[in-house]
Amino acid sequence: MDLAFGTKILNHKTGEIGLLIKIWKNKFADAEIDYATCVDKHGKRYNIKLDEILPLEETDDFCKANS
């Protein structure tokens, strides 16, 4: 997934739209997992696994293809 700062994203956990701030690696004891720091519509920052968000443009294309 190729994302840039300010990309509108869909958070699969909450179903809300947000903005991507940065992507980083979260190092656990035995693995590295890609995470993103995002901002919700109220301006609150949160960290989420990169697999749990989708760029809004891709979401729009998915919805159109499946309707």
N, C-alpha and C. Protein backbone atom coordinates (compact mmCIF):
# COMPACT_ATOMS: atom_id res chain seq x y z
N MET A 1 0.86 -1.16 0.00
CA MET A 1 0.00 0.00 0.00
C MET A 1 0.91 1.23 0.00
N ASP A 2 0.69 2.11 -0.94
CA ASP A 2 1.51 3.31 -1.07
C ASP A 2 0.71 4.50 -0.58
N LEU A 3 1.02 5.01 0.62
CA LEU A 3 0.28 6.11 1.23
C LEU A 3 1.20 7.29 1.47
N ALA A 4 0.66 8.48 1.40
CA ALA A 4 1.43 9.69 1.65
C ALA A 4 0.75 10.52 2.74
N PHE A 5 1.51 11.38 3.37
CA PHE A 5 1.00 12.27 4.40
C PHE A 5 -0.25 12.99 3.90
N GLY A 6 -1.29 13.02 4.71
CA GLY A 6 -2.52 13.71 4.35
C GLY A 6 -3.51 12.88 3.56
N THR A 7 -3.19 11.61 3.31
CA THR A 7 -4.11 10.73 2.58
C THR A 7 -5.35 10.47 3.42
N LYS A 8 -6.53 10.62 2.83
CA LYS A 8 -7.77 10.26 3.52
C LYS A 8 -7.84 8.75 3.60
N ILE A 9 -8.17 8.24 4.79
CA ILE A 9 -8.22 6.79 5.00
C ILE A 9 -9.57 6.40 5.62
N LEU A 10 -9.91 5.14 5.45
CA LEU A 10 -11.07 4.57 6.12
C LEU A 10 -10.55 3.61 7.17
N ASN A 11 -10.93 3.84 8.42
CA ASN A 11 -10.54 3.00 9.54
C ASN A 11 -11.55 1.85 9.62
N HIS A 12 -11.08 0.61 9.38
CA HIS A 12 -11.98 -0.54 9.40
C HIS A 12 -12.52 -0.85 10.79
N LYS A 13 -11.80 -0.49 11.83
CA LYS A 13 -12.26 -0.76 13.20
C LYS A 13 -13.46 0.10 13.57
N THR A 14 -13.42 1.39 13.21
CA THR A 14 -14.49 2.31 13.61
C THR A 14 -15.43 2.67 12.46
N GLY A 15 -14.99 2.43 11.23
CA GLY A 15 -15.78 2.81 10.06
C GLY A 15 -15.72 4.30 9.76
N GLU A 16 -14.81 5.02 10.42
CA GLU A 16 -14.71 6.47 10.25
C GLU A 16 -13.58 6.84 9.28
N ILE A 17 -13.72 8.02 8.72
CA ILE A 17 -12.71 8.58 7.83
C ILE A 17 -11.71 9.37 8.67
N GLY A 18 -10.45 9.30 8.29
CA GLY A 18 -9.41 10.05 8.98
C GLY A 18 -8.33 10.47 8.01
N LEU A 19 -7.26 11.03 8.53
CA LEU A 19 -6.11 11.43 7.72
C LEU A 19 -4.86 10.72 8.24
N LEU A 20 -4.05 10.27 7.31
CA LEU A 20 -2.79 9.62 7.65
C LEU A 20 -1.74 10.68 7.97
N ILE A 21 -1.03 10.48 9.08
CA ILE A 21 0.07 11.38 9.44
C ILE A 21 1.41 10.75 9.07
N LYS A 22 1.63 9.51 9.51
CA LYS A 22 2.89 8.84 9.18
C LYS A 22 2.74 7.33 9.30
N ILE A 23 3.68 6.63 8.69
CA ILE A 23 3.76 5.16 8.76
C ILE A 23 5.07 4.82 9.45
N TRP A 24 5.03 3.82 10.33
CA TRP A 24 6.22 3.43 11.07
C TRP A 24 6.16 1.95 11.42
N LYS A 25 7.28 1.40 11.85
CA LYS A 25 7.37 -0.01 12.24
C LYS A 25 7.30 -0.13 13.75
N ASN A 26 6.39 -0.95 14.24
CA ASN A 26 6.27 -1.23 15.66
C ASN A 26 7.00 -2.55 15.90
N LYS A 27 8.07 -2.51 16.68
CA LYS A 27 8.90 -3.70 16.91
C LYS A 27 8.44 -4.42 18.17
N PHE A 28 7.88 -5.60 17.97
CA PHE A 28 7.51 -6.46 19.08
C PHE A 28 8.66 -7.42 19.36
N ALA A 29 8.50 -8.29 20.32
CA ALA A 29 9.56 -9.22 20.72
C ALA A 29 10.06 -10.07 19.55
N ASP A 30 9.16 -10.53 18.70
CA ASP A 30 9.58 -11.43 17.63
C ASP A 30 9.14 -10.99 16.24
N ALA A 31 8.64 -9.76 16.09
CA ALA A 31 8.18 -9.32 14.78
C ALA A 31 8.18 -7.80 14.68
N GLU A 32 8.15 -7.32 13.43
CA GLU A 32 7.96 -5.90 13.14
C GLU A 32 6.64 -5.77 12.40
N ILE A 33 5.76 -4.91 12.89
CA ILE A 33 4.45 -4.73 12.27
C ILE A 33 4.33 -3.28 11.83
N ASP A 34 3.85 -3.09 10.60
CA ASP A 34 3.65 -1.73 10.09
C ASP A 34 2.45 -1.09 10.77
N TYR A 35 2.66 0.10 11.28
CA TYR A 35 1.61 0.87 11.94
C TYR A 35 1.49 2.22 11.27
N ALA A 36 0.36 2.86 11.47
CA ALA A 36 0.13 4.20 10.97
C ALA A 36 -0.34 5.08 12.12
N THR A 37 0.07 6.33 12.10
CA THR A 37 -0.48 7.31 13.02
C THR A 37 -1.43 8.16 12.19
N CYS A 38 -2.67 8.26 12.67
CA CYS A 38 -3.72 8.96 11.93
C CYS A 38 -4.41 9.97 12.84
N VAL A 39 -5.24 10.81 12.24
CA VAL A 39 -6.04 11.78 12.97
C VAL A 39 -7.49 11.57 12.59
N ASP A 40 -8.38 11.51 13.60
CA ASP A 40 -9.80 11.34 13.31
C ASP A 40 -10.45 12.70 13.02
N LYS A 41 -11.74 12.71 12.77
CA LYS A 41 -12.43 13.95 12.39
C LYS A 41 -12.50 14.97 13.52
N HIS A 42 -12.19 14.55 14.75
CA HIS A 42 -12.19 15.46 15.89
C HIS A 42 -10.79 15.96 16.22
N GLY A 43 -9.79 15.56 15.41
CA GLY A 43 -8.42 15.99 15.63
C GLY A 43 -7.63 15.13 16.59
N LYS A 44 -8.19 14.00 17.01
CA LYS A 44 -7.52 13.11 17.96
C LYS A 44 -6.60 12.14 17.20
N ARG A 45 -5.35 12.07 17.65
CA ARG A 45 -4.38 11.14 17.05
C ARG A 45 -4.59 9.74 17.59
N TYR A 46 -4.35 8.75 16.72
CA TYR A 46 -4.38 7.36 17.16
C TYR A 46 -3.44 6.54 16.29
N ASN A 47 -2.95 5.44 16.85
CA ASN A 47 -2.09 4.50 16.14
C ASN A 47 -2.91 3.27 15.81
N ILE A 48 -2.68 2.72 14.60
CA ILE A 48 -3.45 1.57 14.14
C ILE A 48 -2.58 0.75 13.20
N LYS A 49 -2.81 -0.57 13.18
CA LYS A 49 -2.09 -1.41 12.24
C LYS A 49 -2.41 -0.96 10.83
N LEU A 50 -1.39 -0.96 9.98
CA LEU A 50 -1.57 -0.51 8.61
C LEU A 50 -2.60 -1.37 7.87
N ASP A 51 -2.70 -2.64 8.24
CA ASP A 51 -3.67 -3.54 7.61
C ASP A 51 -5.11 -3.17 7.91
N GLU A 52 -5.34 -2.34 8.92
CA GLU A 52 -6.70 -2.02 9.35
C GLU A 52 -7.21 -0.69 8.80
N ILE A 53 -6.44 -0.09 7.87
CA ILE A 53 -6.91 1.13 7.21
C ILE A 53 -6.81 0.93 5.70
N LEU A 54 -7.57 1.72 4.98
CA LEU A 54 -7.56 1.65 3.52
C LEU A 54 -7.69 3.07 2.98
N PRO A 55 -6.87 3.42 1.97
CA PRO A 55 -7.02 4.75 1.39
C PRO A 55 -8.45 4.93 0.88
N LEU A 56 -9.01 6.09 1.08
CA LEU A 56 -10.40 6.34 0.73
C LEU A 56 -10.66 6.14 -0.75
N GLU A 57 -9.72 6.49 -1.61
CA GLU A 57 -9.91 6.31 -3.05
C GLU A 57 -10.12 4.84 -3.40
N GLU A 58 -9.34 3.94 -2.78
CA GLU A 58 -9.51 2.51 -3.02
C GLU A 58 -10.85 2.04 -2.50
N THR A 59 -11.29 2.59 -1.39
CA THR A 59 -12.58 2.22 -0.82
C THR A 59 -13.70 2.62 -1.77
N ASP A 60 -13.61 3.81 -2.36
CA ASP A 60 -14.62 4.27 -3.31
C ASP A 60 -14.70 3.33 -4.51
N ASP A 61 -13.53 2.92 -5.04
CA ASP A 61 -13.49 2.01 -6.18
C ASP A 61 -14.09 0.66 -5.80
N PHE A 62 -13.80 0.17 -4.59
CA PHE A 62 -14.34 -1.11 -4.13
C PHE A 62 -15.86 -1.05 -4.03
N CYS A 63 -16.38 0.04 -3.47
CA CYS A 63 -17.83 0.19 -3.32
C CYS A 63 -18.53 0.24 -4.67
N LYS A 64 -17.95 0.96 -5.62
CA LYS A 64 -18.53 1.06 -6.96
C LYS A 64 -18.54 -0.29 -7.66
N ALA A 65 -17.45 -1.07 -7.49
CA ALA A 65 -17.35 -2.37 -8.16
C ALA A 65 -18.31 -3.38 -7.56
N ASN A 66 -18.68 -3.23 -6.30
CA ASN A 66 -19.52 -4.21 -5.63
C ASN A 66 -20.97 -3.76 -5.46
N SER A 67 -21.37 -2.70 -6.14
CA SER A 67 -22.76 -2.26 -6.01
C SER A 67 -23.58 -2.62 -7.22
